[in-house]
Amino acid sequence: MDRTTYQEKEAQGHEGMIFGFAAVLVFLCLAALYESWSIPLAVLLAVPLGLFGALLAVWMRDYPYDMYTQIGIVTLIGLAAKNAILIVEYARMSHEEGKSIVDAALEAARLRLRPILMTSFAFILGVVPLALAIGAGAASRRSLGRRFSAA
């Protein structure tokens, strides 16, 4: 067994703990940024839904849960948090201007939907060349491209 395989086997099964620590770190950074405990909580509540969708897609397509899947999950967590930050920040500003929480949230979702869709589709189209890769090293690039576009 070579050294890389040994290290992969030793590190196997610790992903949940690593993702949990990453979520706590992101929460604390957002809490410091917004000087609030509730806004980061609203942002991080969007992450499990995206994570569930990605894992469901991996399971339905019968992809292995390997390093490439984990990289895709980390990327997806970042995208979901970024999208939630866009909506929550705008809703917070609208609420501070006097709108009700529900009205502020609905307006933020309506106004931020287009930019969120544009960045998401740009990312998906950006990994299409990876998914269609040929040549040396194409197997790993195709794997990354399919996982990212599925997430």
Protein backbone atom coordinates (compact mmCIF):
# COMPACT_ATOMS: atom_id res chain seq x y z
CA MET A 1 0.00 0.00 0.00
CA ASP A 2 1.49 3.33 -1.01
CA ARG A 3 1.69 6.33 1.28
CA THR A 4 -1.24 8.26 -0.20
CA THR A 5 -3.62 5.33 0.08
CA TYR A 6 -2.53 4.78 3.69
CA GLN A 7 -3.20 8.42 4.57
CA GLU A 8 -6.60 8.35 2.83
CA LYS A 9 -7.60 5.25 4.80
CA GLU A 10 -6.41 6.80 8.08
CA ALA A 11 -8.36 10.03 7.43
CA GLN A 12 -11.51 8.22 6.31
CA GLY A 13 -14.58 8.80 8.46
CA HIS A 14 -13.53 12.17 9.89
CA GLU A 15 -15.34 14.29 7.29
CA GLY A 16 -18.31 15.04 9.52
CA MET A 17 -16.11 16.39 12.28
CA ILE A 18 -14.11 18.49 9.81
CA PHE A 19 -17.24 19.90 8.16
CA GLY A 20 -18.69 20.60 11.62
CA PHE A 21 -15.60 22.54 12.70
CA ALA A 22 -15.69 24.45 9.42
CA ALA A 23 -19.35 25.37 10.02
CA VAL A 24 -18.55 26.59 13.54
CA LEU A 25 -15.66 28.67 12.21
CA VAL A 26 -17.84 30.21 9.49
CA PHE A 27 -20.57 30.91 12.06
CA LEU A 28 -18.13 32.67 14.39
CA CYS A 29 -16.65 34.74 11.53
CA LEU A 30 -20.12 35.79 10.38
CA ALA A 31 -21.14 36.57 13.97
CA ALA A 32 -18.13 38.86 14.28
CA LEU A 33 -18.85 40.46 10.91
CA TYR A 34 -22.53 41.16 11.58
CA GLU A 35 -22.17 41.61 15.37
CA SER A 36 -25.20 39.36 15.74
CA TRP A 37 -25.92 35.73 16.57
CA SER A 38 -29.16 35.44 14.57
CA ILE A 39 -27.97 36.58 11.13
CA PRO A 40 -25.22 33.93 10.84
CA LEU A 41 -27.71 31.33 12.00
CA ALA A 42 -30.07 32.32 9.17
CA VAL A 43 -27.17 32.07 6.70
CA LEU A 44 -26.07 28.64 7.91
CA LEU A 45 -29.62 27.25 7.80
CA ALA A 46 -29.39 27.33 3.98
CA VAL A 47 -26.37 25.01 3.96
CA PRO A 48 -28.05 21.73 5.07
CA LEU A 49 -30.61 21.96 2.27
CA GLY A 50 -27.89 22.33 -0.36
CA LEU A 51 -25.86 19.59 1.29
CA PHE A 52 -28.84 17.24 1.27
CA GLY A 53 -29.47 17.92 -2.41
CA ALA A 54 -25.84 17.25 -3.31
CA LEU A 55 -25.67 14.02 -1.35
CA LEU A 56 -28.99 12.92 -2.85
CA ALA A 57 -27.64 13.58 -6.36
CA VAL A 58 -24.45 11.63 -5.58
CA TRP A 59 -26.51 8.74 -4.22
CA MET A 60 -29.01 8.75 -7.14
CA ARG A 61 -26.21 8.78 -9.73
CA ASP A 62 -24.34 6.09 -7.79
CA TYR A 63 -21.12 8.12 -7.60
CA PRO A 64 -18.54 7.09 -5.01
CA TYR A 65 -18.14 9.30 -1.95
CA ASP A 66 -14.49 10.09 -2.60
CA MET A 67 -12.15 13.06 -2.42
CA TYR A 68 -13.75 14.70 -5.47
CA THR A 69 -17.20 14.50 -3.90
CA GLN A 70 -15.85 16.07 -0.72
CA ILE A 71 -14.28 18.92 -2.70
CA GLY A 72 -17.62 19.45 -4.42
CA ILE A 73 -19.42 19.51 -1.07
CA VAL A 74 -17.03 22.12 0.32
CA THR A 75 -17.58 24.23 -2.81
CA LEU A 76 -21.33 23.82 -2.51
CA ILE A 77 -21.27 24.89 1.14
CA GLY A 78 -19.44 28.05 0.09
CA LEU A 79 -21.95 28.78 -2.70
CA ALA A 80 -24.95 28.17 -0.47
CA ALA A 81 -23.54 30.42 2.24
CA LYS A 82 -22.73 33.15 -0.29
CA ASN A 83 -26.25 33.05 -1.71
CA ALA A 84 -27.78 33.13 1.76
CA ILE A 85 -25.56 36.07 2.74
CA LEU A 86 -26.82 38.01 -0.29
CA ILE A 87 -30.45 37.51 0.73
CA VAL A 88 -30.01 37.91 4.49
CA GLU A 89 -27.91 41.07 4.21
CA TYR A 90 -30.45 42.75 1.93
CA ALA A 91 -33.34 41.64 4.16
CA ARG A 92 -31.55 43.04 7.22
CA MET A 93 -31.11 46.42 5.55
CA SER A 94 -34.78 46.49 4.48
CA HIS A 95 -35.90 45.54 7.99
CA GLU A 96 -33.78 48.34 9.47
CA GLU A 97 -35.56 50.76 7.10
CA GLY A 98 -38.87 49.85 8.74
CA LYS A 99 -40.29 46.95 6.74
CA SER A 100 -41.66 43.90 8.51
CA ILE A 101 -39.46 40.83 8.68
CA VAL A 102 -41.65 38.90 6.24
CA ASP A 103 -41.86 41.75 3.73
CA ALA A 104 -38.11 42.37 3.95
CA ALA A 105 -37.35 38.67 3.41
CA LEU A 106 -39.73 38.40 0.44
CA GLU A 107 -38.34 41.53 -1.20
CA ALA A 108 -34.76 40.35 -0.65
CA ALA A 109 -35.53 36.96 -2.16
CA ARG A 110 -37.25 38.56 -5.16
CA LEU A 111 -34.48 41.09 -5.81
CA ARG A 112 -31.55 38.74 -5.22
CA LEU A 113 -32.89 35.73 -7.14
CA ARG A 114 -31.53 36.91 -10.50
CA PRO A 115 -27.93 37.54 -9.31
CA ILE A 116 -27.94 34.24 -7.45
CA LEU A 117 -29.14 32.35 -10.52
CA MET A 118 -26.60 34.14 -12.72
CA THR A 119 -23.63 33.23 -10.51
CA SER A 120 -24.87 29.66 -10.02
CA PHE A 121 -25.33 29.06 -13.75
CA ALA A 122 -21.98 30.70 -14.49
CA PHE A 123 -20.34 28.27 -12.08
CA ILE A 124 -22.17 25.26 -13.54
CA LEU A 125 -21.25 26.27 -17.10
CA GLY A 126 -17.68 26.88 -15.94
CA VAL A 127 -17.28 23.24 -14.93
CA VAL A 128 -18.77 21.85 -18.15
CA PRO A 129 -15.28 21.69 -19.75
CA LEU A 130 -14.18 19.57 -16.79
CA ALA A 131 -17.13 17.24 -17.23
CA LEU A 132 -16.36 16.83 -20.95
CA ALA A 133 -12.58 16.52 -20.55
CA ILE A 134 -10.51 14.15 -22.69
CA GLY A 135 -6.82 13.32 -22.68
CA ALA A 136 -4.29 12.79 -19.91
CA GLY A 137 -5.83 13.17 -16.46
CA ALA A 138 -9.32 13.40 -17.94
CA ALA A 139 -10.81 10.88 -15.51
CA SER A 140 -10.26 13.10 -12.49
CA ARG A 141 -11.34 16.24 -14.36
CA ARG A 142 -14.54 14.54 -15.55
CA SER A 143 -15.19 13.36 -12.02
CA LEU A 144 -14.77 16.88 -10.64
CA GLY A 145 -16.89 18.43 -13.36
CA ARG A 146 -19.75 16.00 -12.89
CA ARG A 147 -19.73 16.34 -9.13
CA PHE A 148 -19.61 20.13 -9.20
CA SER A 149 -22.37 20.41 -11.78
CA ALA A 150 -24.51 17.89 -9.85
CA ALA A 151 -24.06 19.88 -6.67
